[in-house]
Protein backbone atom coordinates (compact mmCIF):
# COMPACT_ATOMS: atom_id res chain seq x y z
CA MET A 1 -33.33 -10.31 -5.05
CA ASN A 2 -32.66 -13.42 -7.17
CA VAL A 3 -29.55 -13.88 -9.29
CA LEU A 4 -29.46 -15.50 -12.75
CA LEU A 5 -25.94 -15.98 -14.14
CA ILE A 6 -25.79 -17.05 -17.80
CA VAL A 7 -22.44 -18.26 -19.13
CA SER A 8 -21.98 -19.27 -22.74
CA GLU A 9 -18.90 -21.07 -24.01
CA ASP A 10 -16.19 -20.25 -26.56
CA ASN A 11 -17.62 -17.09 -28.12
CA GLY A 12 -16.77 -13.45 -28.45
CA PRO A 13 -19.19 -10.48 -28.61
CA HIS A 14 -20.64 -11.59 -31.94
CA PHE A 15 -24.20 -10.41 -31.35
CA SER A 16 -26.20 -7.82 -33.21
CA CYS A 17 -26.21 -5.62 -30.09
CA TYR A 18 -22.43 -5.48 -30.48
CA GLY A 19 -22.77 -4.47 -34.12
CA ASP A 20 -22.17 -7.85 -35.78
CA PRO A 21 -23.89 -7.84 -39.19
CA ASN A 22 -23.88 -11.61 -39.69
CA VAL A 23 -26.59 -12.53 -37.20
CA SER A 24 -29.72 -11.31 -35.43
CA THR A 25 -29.88 -11.79 -31.65
CA PRO A 26 -33.13 -10.13 -30.50
CA HIS A 27 -33.25 -11.66 -27.02
CA LEU A 28 -29.69 -10.74 -26.13
CA ASP A 29 -30.26 -7.34 -27.70
CA ARG A 30 -33.23 -6.83 -25.40
CA LEU A 31 -31.11 -7.69 -22.37
CA ALA A 32 -28.52 -5.17 -23.54
CA SER A 33 -31.12 -2.44 -24.10
CA GLU A 34 -32.74 -2.95 -20.70
CA GLY A 35 -29.46 -2.98 -18.79
CA ILE A 36 -25.77 -2.37 -19.38
CA ARG A 37 -23.72 -3.54 -22.35
CA PHE A 38 -20.03 -3.55 -21.55
CA THR A 39 -17.86 -2.98 -24.61
CA ASN A 40 -14.47 -3.70 -23.04
CA ALA A 41 -15.03 -6.83 -20.99
CA TYR A 42 -12.30 -9.46 -20.78
CA THR A 43 -11.87 -12.96 -19.44
CA THR A 44 -8.92 -13.63 -17.14
CA GLN A 45 -7.64 -16.50 -19.30
CA ALA A 46 -8.75 -17.74 -22.72
CA VAL A 47 -9.34 -21.31 -21.55
CA CYS A 48 -12.52 -22.85 -20.17
CA SER A 49 -11.76 -23.85 -16.57
CA PRO A 50 -9.62 -20.83 -15.64
CA GLY A 51 -12.18 -18.42 -17.06
CA ARG A 52 -15.03 -20.12 -15.22
CA ALA A 53 -13.10 -20.33 -11.96
CA SER A 54 -12.48 -16.59 -12.09
CA ILE A 55 -16.19 -15.95 -12.59
CA HIS A 56 -17.03 -18.03 -9.52
CA THR A 57 -14.17 -16.96 -7.23
CA GLY A 58 -13.54 -13.38 -8.30
CA LEU A 59 -9.82 -14.18 -8.49
CA TYR A 60 -7.26 -14.45 -11.27
CA PRO A 61 -6.16 -18.02 -12.14
CA HIS A 62 -2.78 -17.59 -10.44
CA GLN A 63 -4.67 -16.55 -7.30
CA ASN A 64 -7.29 -19.31 -7.27
CA GLY A 65 -5.10 -22.14 -8.64
CA GLN A 66 -7.27 -23.14 -11.64
CA ILE A 67 -4.50 -22.36 -14.14
CA GLY A 68 -5.55 -25.03 -16.64
CA LEU A 69 -8.38 -27.33 -17.66
CA ALA A 70 -10.19 -29.47 -15.11
CA THR A 71 -9.99 -32.14 -17.83
CA HIS A 72 -6.25 -32.29 -17.10
CA MET A 73 -6.81 -32.22 -13.34
CA TYR A 74 -5.84 -28.61 -12.72
CA HIS A 75 -7.73 -27.43 -9.63
CA THR A 76 -8.40 -24.47 -7.38
CA PHE A 77 -6.59 -24.06 -4.09
CA GLU A 78 -8.32 -25.45 -1.00
CA GLY A 79 -10.61 -23.32 1.09
CA LEU A 80 -11.42 -20.56 -1.40
CA PRO A 81 -14.91 -19.00 -1.27
CA ASN A 82 -17.00 -19.22 -4.43
CA LEU A 83 -20.32 -17.83 -5.62
CA PRO A 84 -22.54 -20.87 -4.87
CA ALA A 85 -21.01 -21.22 -1.40
CA ILE A 86 -21.38 -17.52 -0.61
CA MET A 87 -24.95 -17.39 -1.89
CA LYS A 88 -25.95 -20.55 -0.05
CA GLU A 89 -24.55 -19.16 3.18
CA ALA A 90 -26.66 -16.05 2.57
CA GLY A 91 -29.82 -18.17 2.39
CA TYR A 92 -30.16 -18.63 -1.38
CA ARG A 93 -31.17 -21.80 -3.16
CA THR A 94 -28.27 -22.66 -5.48
CA GLY A 95 -28.65 -24.34 -8.85
CA MET A 96 -26.67 -25.03 -12.00
CA VAL A 97 -27.70 -26.17 -15.47
CA GLY A 98 -24.78 -27.41 -17.55
CA LYS A 99 -21.11 -27.99 -16.85
CA LEU A 100 -19.13 -26.68 -13.91
CA HIS A 101 -15.68 -27.62 -15.27
CA ILE A 102 -13.86 -26.48 -12.11
CA LEU A 103 -12.15 -28.72 -9.58
CA PRO A 104 -12.81 -29.77 -6.90
CA GLU A 105 -16.52 -30.07 -7.65
CA ALA A 106 -17.28 -30.73 -3.97
CA ALA A 107 -16.32 -27.12 -3.17
CA TYR A 108 -19.46 -25.90 -4.97
CA PRO A 109 -22.60 -26.54 -2.88
CA LEU A 110 -25.45 -26.86 -5.35
CA ASP A 111 -29.00 -27.75 -4.35
CA MET A 112 -29.66 -28.66 -7.98
CA TRP A 113 -27.15 -29.56 -10.67
CA TRP A 114 -28.49 -30.86 -13.99
CA ASN A 115 -26.06 -31.83 -16.74
CA ASP A 116 -27.73 -34.65 -18.67
CA ARG A 117 -25.52 -35.48 -21.67
CA ASP A 118 -28.55 -36.52 -23.73
CA TYR A 119 -29.68 -32.89 -23.73
CA ILE A 120 -26.67 -30.73 -22.86
CA SER A 121 -23.20 -31.71 -24.08
CA PHE A 122 -20.95 -31.19 -27.06
CA PRO A 123 -22.97 -33.70 -29.16
CA ASN A 124 -26.41 -32.64 -27.87
CA ARG A 125 -27.72 -29.14 -27.23
CA ASP A 126 -31.43 -29.00 -26.43
CA VAL A 127 -32.08 -25.41 -25.38
CA VAL A 128 -35.81 -26.02 -24.80
CA LYS A 129 -35.08 -28.79 -22.30
CA MET A 130 -32.51 -26.63 -20.53
CA ALA A 131 -35.08 -23.86 -20.11
CA ALA A 132 -37.60 -26.36 -18.73
CA VAL A 133 -35.14 -27.53 -16.08
CA ALA A 134 -34.35 -23.93 -15.15
CA ASP A 135 -38.09 -23.19 -15.01
CA ARG A 136 -38.64 -25.96 -12.45
CA PHE A 137 -35.83 -24.70 -10.24
CA ILE A 138 -36.97 -21.06 -10.41
CA ASN A 139 -40.51 -22.03 -9.39
CA GLU A 140 -39.60 -24.67 -6.82
CA ASP A 141 -40.42 -22.30 -3.96
CA ASN A 142 -40.35 -18.62 -3.09
CA ALA A 143 -36.94 -18.56 -1.43
CA PRO A 144 -34.41 -16.40 -3.31
CA PHE A 145 -32.38 -18.33 -5.87
CA PHE A 146 -28.92 -18.21 -7.41
CA LEU A 147 -28.99 -20.07 -10.72
CA THR A 148 -26.16 -20.51 -13.22
CA VAL A 149 -27.09 -21.68 -16.72
CA ASN A 150 -24.12 -22.76 -18.84
CA TYR A 151 -24.63 -23.10 -22.59
CA PRO A 152 -22.11 -25.19 -24.61
CA ASP A 153 -23.34 -24.14 -28.05
CA TYR A 154 -20.18 -22.53 -29.45
CA HIS A 155 -17.81 -25.29 -28.41
CA LEU A 156 -16.70 -27.52 -31.23
CA PRO A 157 -18.27 -29.16 -33.08
CA PHE A 158 -20.20 -26.21 -34.50
CA HIS A 159 -23.65 -27.75 -35.02
CA ARG A 160 -25.60 -26.34 -37.94
CA GLN A 161 -28.85 -27.28 -36.22
CA GLN A 162 -29.81 -29.07 -33.01
CA PHE A 163 -33.32 -30.18 -32.03
CA GLY A 164 -34.68 -27.95 -34.81
CA VAL A 165 -32.77 -24.82 -33.69
CA PRO A 166 -32.07 -22.55 -35.47
CA GLU A 167 -35.15 -23.00 -37.60
CA THR A 168 -33.43 -21.59 -40.70
CA PRO A 169 -29.65 -22.15 -40.51
CA LEU A 170 -27.18 -19.84 -42.20
CA ASP A 171 -25.02 -21.04 -45.10
CA ALA A 172 -21.51 -20.09 -46.19
CA ASP A 173 -22.79 -17.44 -48.61
CA ASP A 174 -24.63 -15.67 -45.77
CA VAL A 175 -21.57 -14.71 -43.73
CA THR A 176 -17.98 -13.49 -43.82
CA PRO A 177 -15.20 -14.93 -41.61
CA LEU A 178 -14.37 -13.17 -38.36
CA PRO A 179 -12.08 -10.24 -39.21
CA GLN A 180 -9.38 -11.21 -36.70
CA ILE A 181 -8.75 -14.38 -38.71
CA GLY A 182 -7.61 -12.23 -41.62
CA ILE A 183 -8.38 -14.92 -44.20
CA ASP A 184 -11.49 -15.52 -46.30
CA THR A 185 -12.04 -18.90 -47.99
CA PRO A 186 -15.17 -20.97 -48.75
CA ARG A 187 -14.06 -23.51 -46.13
CA LEU A 188 -13.72 -20.87 -43.42
CA ARG A 189 -17.03 -19.31 -44.45
CA GLN A 190 -18.80 -22.61 -43.88
CA HIS A 191 -17.30 -22.96 -40.40
CA THR A 192 -18.22 -19.34 -39.74
CA ALA A 193 -21.81 -19.94 -40.85
CA ASP A 194 -22.11 -22.79 -38.37
CA TYR A 195 -20.53 -20.65 -35.65
CA TYR A 196 -23.26 -18.08 -36.26
CA ASN A 197 -25.86 -20.86 -36.23
CA CYS A 198 -24.60 -21.51 -32.70
CA VAL A 199 -25.01 -17.77 -31.99
CA SER A 200 -28.60 -17.95 -33.17
CA ARG A 201 -29.29 -21.06 -31.08
CA LEU A 202 -27.86 -19.35 -28.00
CA ASP A 203 -30.14 -16.37 -28.53
CA THR A 204 -33.12 -18.71 -28.82
CA ALA A 205 -31.99 -20.39 -25.60
CA VAL A 206 -31.82 -17.07 -23.78
CA GLY A 207 -35.29 -16.23 -25.07
CA HIS A 208 -36.74 -19.46 -23.64
CA LEU A 209 -34.98 -18.80 -20.34
CA PHE A 210 -36.33 -15.25 -20.12
CA ASP A 211 -39.84 -16.50 -20.92
CA ALA A 212 -39.59 -18.92 -18.01
CA LEU A 213 -38.39 -16.15 -15.70
CA GLN A 214 -41.22 -13.87 -16.86
CA ARG A 215 -43.86 -16.56 -16.26
CA SER A 216 -42.57 -17.06 -12.73
CA GLY A 217 -43.38 -13.47 -11.83
CA LYS A 218 -39.83 -13.02 -10.53
CA SER A 219 -38.33 -11.13 -13.46
CA GLU A 220 -38.39 -7.72 -11.76
CA ASP A 221 -36.75 -9.19 -8.68
CA THR A 222 -33.88 -10.87 -10.54
CA LEU A 223 -30.39 -9.62 -11.31
CA VAL A 224 -29.40 -11.09 -14.69
CA LEU A 225 -25.78 -11.34 -15.78
CA PHE A 226 -24.57 -12.70 -19.09
CA THR A 227 -20.98 -13.43 -20.08
CA THR A 228 -18.82 -16.17 -21.57
CA ASP A 229 -15.73 -18.04 -20.43
CA HIS A 230 -13.54 -16.84 -23.34
CA GLY A 231 -13.42 -16.23 -27.08
CA HIS A 232 -14.00 -18.22 -30.26
CA GLN A 233 -12.44 -21.47 -31.53
CA PHE A 234 -10.90 -20.06 -34.69
CA SER A 235 -7.29 -19.04 -35.29
CA ARG A 236 -6.07 -16.21 -33.05
CA GLY A 237 -8.91 -16.87 -30.61
CA LYS A 238 -9.31 -19.41 -27.81
CA THR A 239 -6.13 -20.14 -25.80
CA CYS A 240 -4.30 -16.97 -26.90
CA CYS A 241 -4.06 -13.38 -25.62
CA TYR A 242 -5.39 -11.66 -28.73
CA GLU A 243 -8.77 -9.94 -28.55
CA GLY A 244 -10.39 -12.93 -30.24
CA GLY A 245 -9.46 -15.06 -27.23
CA VAL A 246 -9.91 -12.73 -24.28
CA LYS A 247 -12.55 -10.13 -25.22
CA VAL A 248 -16.01 -11.30 -24.20
CA PRO A 249 -19.60 -10.08 -24.21
CA SER A 250 -20.86 -8.83 -20.87
CA LEU A 251 -24.46 -7.79 -20.22
CA LEU A 252 -26.15 -6.92 -16.94
CA LYS A 253 -29.73 -6.14 -16.01
CA TRP A 254 -30.68 -5.19 -12.46
CA PRO A 255 -34.22 -3.81 -12.31
CA GLY A 256 -34.43 -0.62 -10.30
CA GLN A 257 -30.69 -0.57 -9.57
CA VAL A 258 -28.82 0.12 -12.82
CA LYS A 259 -29.81 2.44 -15.63
CA GLU A 260 -29.73 1.59 -19.29
CA GLY A 261 -26.37 2.32 -20.86
CA GLN A 262 -22.99 0.85 -21.62
CA GLY A 263 -19.43 0.78 -20.37
CA SER A 264 -16.25 1.10 -22.40
CA ASP A 265 -11.95 1.17 -21.34
CA ALA A 266 -8.39 1.81 -23.16
CA ARG A 267 -6.43 2.13 -26.60
CA TYR A 268 -3.09 0.35 -26.36
CA LYS A 269 -2.50 -3.25 -25.37
CA LEU A 270 0.71 -4.99 -24.31
CA ILE A 271 1.13 -8.77 -24.49
CA PHE A 272 4.02 -10.22 -22.49
CA ASN A 273 5.13 -13.71 -23.59
CA CYS A 274 7.13 -15.17 -20.72
CA LEU A 275 7.95 -18.35 -22.70
CA ASP A 276 9.11 -16.70 -25.91
CA ASP A 277 11.75 -19.40 -26.40
CA ARG A 278 9.15 -21.85 -27.75
CA PRO A 279 6.33 -21.84 -30.31
CA SER A 280 2.88 -20.86 -29.11
CA PRO A 281 0.80 -23.97 -28.33
CA SER A 282 -2.29 -21.95 -29.25
CA ALA A 283 -0.98 -21.27 -32.77
CA ARG A 284 0.13 -24.88 -33.18
CA SER A 285 -3.39 -26.05 -32.34
CA TYR A 286 -5.34 -23.54 -34.43
CA SER A 287 -3.03 -23.01 -37.43
CA GLY A 288 0.14 -24.42 -38.93
CA PRO A 289 1.40 -27.96 -39.58
CA ASP A 290 0.30 -29.31 -36.18
CA GLN A 291 -3.25 -27.97 -36.45
CA GLN A 292 -5.74 -29.91 -34.32
CA TRP A 293 -8.92 -27.86 -34.72
CA GLU A 294 -10.59 -27.80 -38.12
CA PRO A 295 -11.93 -24.19 -38.05
CA GLY A 296 -8.37 -22.90 -37.75
CA ALA A 297 -6.64 -21.45 -40.82
CA THR A 298 -4.58 -24.06 -42.68
CA VAL A 299 -0.98 -23.67 -43.80
CA GLU A 300 -2.15 -23.34 -47.41
CA GLU A 301 -4.71 -20.66 -46.54
CA ILE A 302 -2.13 -18.69 -44.58
CA GLU A 303 0.45 -18.92 -47.37
CA ARG A 304 -2.01 -17.39 -49.85
CA ALA A 305 -2.79 -14.43 -47.55
CA ASP A 306 -1.47 -10.88 -47.83
CA PRO A 307 2.09 -10.30 -46.53
CA TRP A 308 0.95 -8.45 -43.41
CA ILE A 309 -1.39 -11.34 -42.54
CA LEU A 310 1.50 -13.77 -43.06
CA GLU A 311 3.58 -11.70 -40.68
CA ALA A 312 0.80 -11.69 -38.08
CA TYR A 313 0.54 -15.50 -38.23
CA ALA A 314 4.34 -15.76 -37.91
CA THR A 315 4.10 -13.68 -34.73
CA TYR A 316 1.21 -15.86 -33.55
CA LEU A 317 3.32 -19.00 -33.98
CA ASN A 318 6.62 -17.67 -32.62
CA PRO A 319 5.76 -14.76 -30.34
CA PRO A 320 8.44 -12.26 -29.31
CA ARG A 321 8.93 -11.22 -25.70
CA GLU A 322 6.48 -8.33 -26.08
CA GLU A 323 3.72 -7.36 -28.49
CA LEU A 324 2.13 -3.92 -28.58
CA TYR A 325 -1.08 -3.10 -30.43
CA ASP A 326 -3.05 0.06 -31.10
CA LEU A 327 -6.60 -1.20 -30.72
CA SER A 328 -8.09 2.01 -32.08
CA ASN A 329 -6.34 1.79 -35.43
CA ASP A 330 -5.67 -1.96 -35.49
CA PRO A 331 -8.52 -3.62 -33.56
CA TYR A 332 -7.65 -7.11 -34.83
CA GLU A 333 -3.96 -6.91 -33.85
CA PHE A 334 -2.23 -7.51 -37.13
CA ARG A 335 0.62 -4.99 -36.71
CA ASN A 336 2.93 -5.48 -33.72
CA LEU A 337 4.25 -2.05 -32.67
CA ALA A 338 6.62 -3.27 -29.96
CA GLY A 339 9.95 -1.50 -30.35
CA ASP A 340 8.47 1.36 -32.38
CA PRO A 341 10.51 4.48 -31.37
CA ASP A 342 7.36 6.61 -31.40
CA ARG A 343 5.70 4.38 -28.82
CA VAL A 344 8.56 3.61 -26.44
CA ASP A 345 6.95 5.62 -23.63
CA ILE A 346 3.64 3.79 -24.06
CA GLN A 347 5.33 0.40 -24.06
CA ASP A 348 7.36 1.29 -20.95
CA GLN A 349 4.25 2.56 -19.18
CA LEU A 350 2.26 -0.60 -19.93
CA ARG A 351 5.20 -2.80 -18.88
CA ALA A 352 5.37 -0.93 -15.55
CA THR A 353 1.60 -1.30 -15.11
CA LEU A 354 1.87 -5.04 -15.74
CA THR A 355 4.71 -5.39 -13.23
CA GLN A 356 2.73 -3.50 -10.59
CA TRP A 357 -0.32 -5.68 -11.25
CA GLN A 358 1.79 -8.80 -10.75
CA VAL A 359 2.95 -7.46 -7.39
CA GLU A 360 -0.56 -6.47 -6.30
CA THR A 361 -2.05 -9.85 -7.23
CA ASN A 362 0.88 -11.88 -5.86
CA ASP A 363 1.64 -13.42 -9.25
CA ARG A 364 4.37 -15.86 -8.28
CA ILE A 365 4.86 -16.84 -11.93
CA ALA A 366 6.68 -13.51 -12.28
CA ASP A 367 9.54 -15.15 -10.37
CA PRO A 368 11.79 -16.84 -12.99
CA GLU A 369 12.50 -19.77 -10.66
CA ILE A 370 8.80 -20.35 -10.03
CA LEU A 371 8.07 -20.07 -13.76
CA ALA A 372 10.82 -22.59 -14.53
CA ARG A 373 9.46 -25.00 -11.92
CA LEU A 374 5.90 -24.75 -13.25
CA THR A 375 7.11 -25.14 -16.84
CA GLU A 376 9.11 -28.23 -15.93
CA GLU A 377 6.13 -29.77 -14.14
CA HIS A 378 3.83 -29.02 -17.06
CA ASP A 379 6.30 -30.37 -19.66
CA ALA A 380 6.70 -33.60 -17.68
CA ALA A 381 2.93 -34.05 -17.45
CA LEU A 382 2.57 -33.34 -21.17
CA ALA A 383 5.23 -35.90 -22.06
CA ALA A 384 3.56 -38.53 -19.87
CA ARG A 385 0.16 -37.78 -21.34
CA TYR A 386 1.20 -38.33 -24.93
CA LYS A 387 3.68 -41.14 -24.47
CA GLU A 388 2.77 -44.56 -25.85
CA GLY A 389 -0.14 -45.89 -23.83
CA GLY A 390 -1.01 -42.45 -22.42
CA GLY A 391 -3.93 -40.32 -23.60
CA ALA A 392 -7.20 -39.67 -21.79
CA ASP A 393 -6.55 -42.05 -18.89
CA GLN A 394 -3.13 -40.55 -18.28
CA ARG A 395 -4.37 -36.96 -18.26
CA ARG A 396 -7.00 -37.79 -15.67
CA GLN A 397 -4.43 -39.40 -13.39
CA ASN A 398 -2.09 -36.43 -13.33
CA GLU A 399 -1.32 -35.10 -9.85
CA TRP A 400 -0.14 -31.52 -9.87
CA ARG A 401 2.19 -30.12 -7.23
CA TYR A 402 1.98 -26.46 -8.21
CA ALA A 403 -0.20 -25.62 -5.18
CA GLU A 404 2.91 -26.11 -3.05
CA TYR A 405 4.76 -23.20 -4.63
CA LEU A 406 2.15 -21.01 -6.39
CA ARG A 407 -0.18 -20.23 -3.50
């Protein structure tokens, strides 16, 4: 049995098979109809490297050590098994198309790794070329293969069209902003249209990849998994704990082994903010006066929103110790119910569940002294990175010591 793992980047379950009306995704829909579509799948952390490291190690970030971006030199602990290593040991050919974005790279034994920036990068996204490279690897010989194909399409910048795909791009008038943003302006609609153009391009990419697999004659002997590293790059998405950041699409097809169907999970959600004494860096990056990412809601857009949206963005920027949401009645988490007398038992139960999970997974960050030490180390690295003369070179020279006390 071969294994094809497809990982997209920076997107939530915004496909037509998940009920999104803004876009048509026939190839992903076919994968969903022929296998399992999970409706309550979550990433372990709404940031690229930690999410990817969890996919490849099966461990939470605090267990595997990849608690931040490889760009900033965060890394996994030494000696951990990972999917390519396990599969290679089992006799599989191992290949990857696209970025790994986990450190150390040497821990991932790949027989083929193609990541040509002229065809696959933030500026360039040639899905036809990616499928051709995957095709060559699949047909290289008849030994079983483990292939990961990583698509960067949703990562900023949102390209309206790349290498002629999509053939007919969407415009601002064709879409509405993602509901968890809570704000609708022409500017946000244009960014949303280009986000959905990325959705369309990803679906085209998956179609080319499936065509290659079908031509190889190995389709019925291949387990196909599709997921993403984390959610979208709008406000209240990537880098935060709201559904827009952590809820992801998850599709699985295993011919002869799993029946068609879908999975589903729970109603209430508790967010615990262990650094509630400071503004959220996620909110500062994607909204507010320090906004870095253009698709985020601006201060002016937020100020013109309804009062309950204003309150939600205030919570986003300055989160309390705990947030509680009823995902059945408030799926986009606009009304924080923490402290509601009618839900005290639910909040207590979820808090106890979280505490037990921290014990079971050996989450050392639960220790206030360990948290303070990690926070101090991170703050020092951040200050050095952005001091005069710092920047990209500085962030790539950072040497973390957290492995000494987190593992």
